[in-house]
Amino acid sequence: MNETYSALAAFAQTGGLIYFMILFGIVLAYALWPTNRKKFDDAAQIPFRED
């Protein structure tokens, strides 16, 4: 029983790490994608606009 728990815990930790690394890569690629630059620059200027 203890070996089963250890194996399952190790698999969950490795799977979680891989999942979050892939998710981080996708978010980073989205944020740095050249076609999104205008959208992000426009959003960055919202606080400085006069109503």
N, C-alpha and C. Protein backbone atom coordinates (compact mmCIF):
# COMPACT_ATOMS: atom_id res chain seq x y z
N MET A 1 0.83 -1.19 0.00
CA MET A 1 0.00 0.00 0.00
C MET A 1 0.87 1.26 0.00
N ASN A 2 1.94 1.27 0.75
CA ASN A 2 2.82 2.42 0.82
C ASN A 2 3.52 2.65 -0.51
N GLU A 3 3.90 1.57 -1.20
CA GLU A 3 4.55 1.70 -2.51
C GLU A 3 3.58 2.27 -3.54
N THR A 4 2.33 1.86 -3.46
CA THR A 4 1.31 2.37 -4.38
C THR A 4 1.12 3.87 -4.18
N TYR A 5 1.04 4.29 -2.94
CA TYR A 5 0.87 5.71 -2.64
C TYR A 5 2.08 6.51 -3.14
N SER A 6 3.27 6.00 -2.90
CA SER A 6 4.47 6.71 -3.32
C SER A 6 4.54 6.83 -4.84
N ALA A 7 4.18 5.76 -5.54
CA ALA A 7 4.20 5.79 -7.00
C ALA A 7 3.16 6.77 -7.52
N LEU A 8 1.97 6.75 -6.95
CA LEU A 8 0.91 7.66 -7.37
C LEU A 8 1.27 9.11 -7.07
N ALA A 9 1.86 9.37 -5.92
CA ALA A 9 2.27 10.72 -5.56
C ALA A 9 3.36 11.23 -6.50
N ALA A 10 4.32 10.38 -6.83
CA ALA A 10 5.39 10.78 -7.75
C ALA A 10 4.83 11.07 -9.15
N PHE A 11 3.90 10.25 -9.60
CA PHE A 11 3.27 10.47 -10.90
C PHE A 11 2.49 11.78 -10.91
N ALA A 12 1.75 12.06 -9.83
CA ALA A 12 0.96 13.29 -9.76
C ALA A 12 1.86 14.51 -9.72
N GLN A 13 2.97 14.43 -9.01
CA GLN A 13 3.89 15.56 -8.95
C GLN A 13 4.53 15.82 -10.31
N THR A 14 4.95 14.78 -10.98
CA THR A 14 5.56 14.92 -12.29
C THR A 14 4.54 15.41 -13.31
N GLY A 15 3.37 14.85 -13.29
CA GLY A 15 2.31 15.27 -14.20
C GLY A 15 1.92 16.72 -13.98
N GLY A 16 1.81 17.12 -12.73
CA GLY A 16 1.47 18.50 -12.41
C GLY A 16 2.55 19.47 -12.87
N LEU A 17 3.80 19.10 -12.68
CA LEU A 17 4.90 19.93 -13.13
C LEU A 17 4.89 20.11 -14.64
N ILE A 18 4.70 19.02 -15.35
CA ILE A 18 4.66 19.09 -16.82
C ILE A 18 3.47 19.91 -17.28
N TYR A 19 2.32 19.72 -16.66
CA TYR A 19 1.12 20.47 -17.01
C TYR A 19 1.35 21.97 -16.84
N PHE A 20 1.89 22.38 -15.69
CA PHE A 20 2.08 23.80 -15.45
C PHE A 20 3.20 24.39 -16.31
N MET A 21 4.21 23.61 -16.66
CA MET A 21 5.24 24.09 -17.57
C MET A 21 4.67 24.34 -18.96
N ILE A 22 3.83 23.43 -19.43
CA ILE A 22 3.18 23.61 -20.74
C ILE A 22 2.25 24.82 -20.70
N LEU A 23 1.48 24.95 -19.63
CA LEU A 23 0.57 26.08 -19.49
C LEU A 23 1.34 27.40 -19.46
N PHE A 24 2.45 27.44 -18.73
CA PHE A 24 3.28 28.64 -18.68
C PHE A 24 3.83 28.98 -20.06
N GLY A 25 4.26 27.97 -20.80
CA GLY A 25 4.78 28.20 -22.15
C GLY A 25 3.71 28.76 -23.08
N ILE A 26 2.50 28.27 -22.96
CA ILE A 26 1.41 28.77 -23.80
C ILE A 26 1.09 30.22 -23.46
N VAL A 27 1.02 30.54 -22.18
CA VAL A 27 0.73 31.91 -21.76
C VAL A 27 1.85 32.85 -22.18
N LEU A 28 3.09 32.42 -22.04
CA LEU A 28 4.23 33.24 -22.45
C LEU A 28 4.22 33.47 -23.95
N ALA A 29 3.94 32.44 -24.72
CA ALA A 29 3.89 32.58 -26.18
C ALA A 29 2.77 33.54 -26.58
N TYR A 30 1.62 33.45 -25.92
CA TYR A 30 0.51 34.36 -26.21
C TYR A 30 0.89 35.80 -25.90
N ALA A 31 1.54 36.01 -24.77
CA ALA A 31 1.89 37.37 -24.36
C ALA A 31 2.96 37.98 -25.26
N LEU A 32 3.84 37.18 -25.80
CA LEU A 32 4.94 37.69 -26.62
C LEU A 32 4.69 37.57 -28.12
N TRP A 33 3.54 37.06 -28.51
CA TRP A 33 3.24 36.90 -29.93
C TRP A 33 3.17 38.27 -30.60
N PRO A 34 3.86 38.45 -31.71
CA PRO A 34 3.95 39.78 -32.32
C PRO A 34 2.60 40.41 -32.69
N THR A 35 1.63 39.63 -33.09
CA THR A 35 0.35 40.22 -33.50
C THR A 35 -0.47 40.72 -32.31
N ASN A 36 -0.12 40.35 -31.10
CA ASN A 36 -0.85 40.82 -29.91
C ASN A 36 -0.30 42.12 -29.36
N ARG A 37 0.81 42.60 -29.91
CA ARG A 37 1.47 43.79 -29.36
C ARG A 37 0.54 45.01 -29.36
N LYS A 38 -0.15 45.26 -30.47
CA LYS A 38 -1.03 46.43 -30.56
C LYS A 38 -2.14 46.35 -29.51
N LYS A 39 -2.69 45.18 -29.33
CA LYS A 39 -3.77 45.00 -28.35
C LYS A 39 -3.27 45.29 -26.93
N PHE A 40 -2.08 44.80 -26.60
CA PHE A 40 -1.53 45.01 -25.26
C PHE A 40 -1.08 46.45 -25.05
N ASP A 41 -0.53 47.08 -26.09
CA ASP A 41 -0.16 48.49 -25.98
C ASP A 41 -1.39 49.36 -25.77
N ASP A 42 -2.46 49.04 -26.47
CA ASP A 42 -3.71 49.78 -26.31
C ASP A 42 -4.26 49.60 -24.89
N ALA A 43 -4.23 48.40 -24.38
CA ALA A 43 -4.73 48.14 -23.02
C ALA A 43 -3.86 48.83 -21.97
N ALA A 44 -2.57 48.97 -22.24
CA ALA A 44 -1.68 49.63 -21.28
C ALA A 44 -1.96 51.12 -21.18
N GLN A 45 -2.55 51.71 -22.20
CA GLN A 45 -2.83 53.14 -22.21
C GLN A 45 -4.19 53.51 -21.62
N ILE A 46 -5.01 52.54 -21.28
CA ILE A 46 -6.35 52.81 -20.75
C ILE A 46 -6.34 53.71 -19.51
N PRO A 47 -5.46 53.51 -18.54
CA PRO A 47 -5.50 54.39 -17.35
C PRO A 47 -5.17 55.86 -17.65
N PHE A 48 -4.50 56.13 -18.76
CA PHE A 48 -4.09 57.49 -19.08
C PHE A 48 -5.09 58.23 -19.96
N ARG A 49 -6.14 57.59 -20.39
CA ARG A 49 -7.13 58.22 -21.26
C ARG A 49 -8.06 59.11 -20.46
N GLU A 50 -8.45 60.18 -21.07
CA GLU A 50 -9.45 61.07 -20.47
C GLU A 50 -10.84 60.58 -20.89
N ASP A 51 -11.75 60.60 -19.99
CA ASP A 51 -13.12 60.16 -20.33
C ASP A 51 -13.89 61.19 -21.07
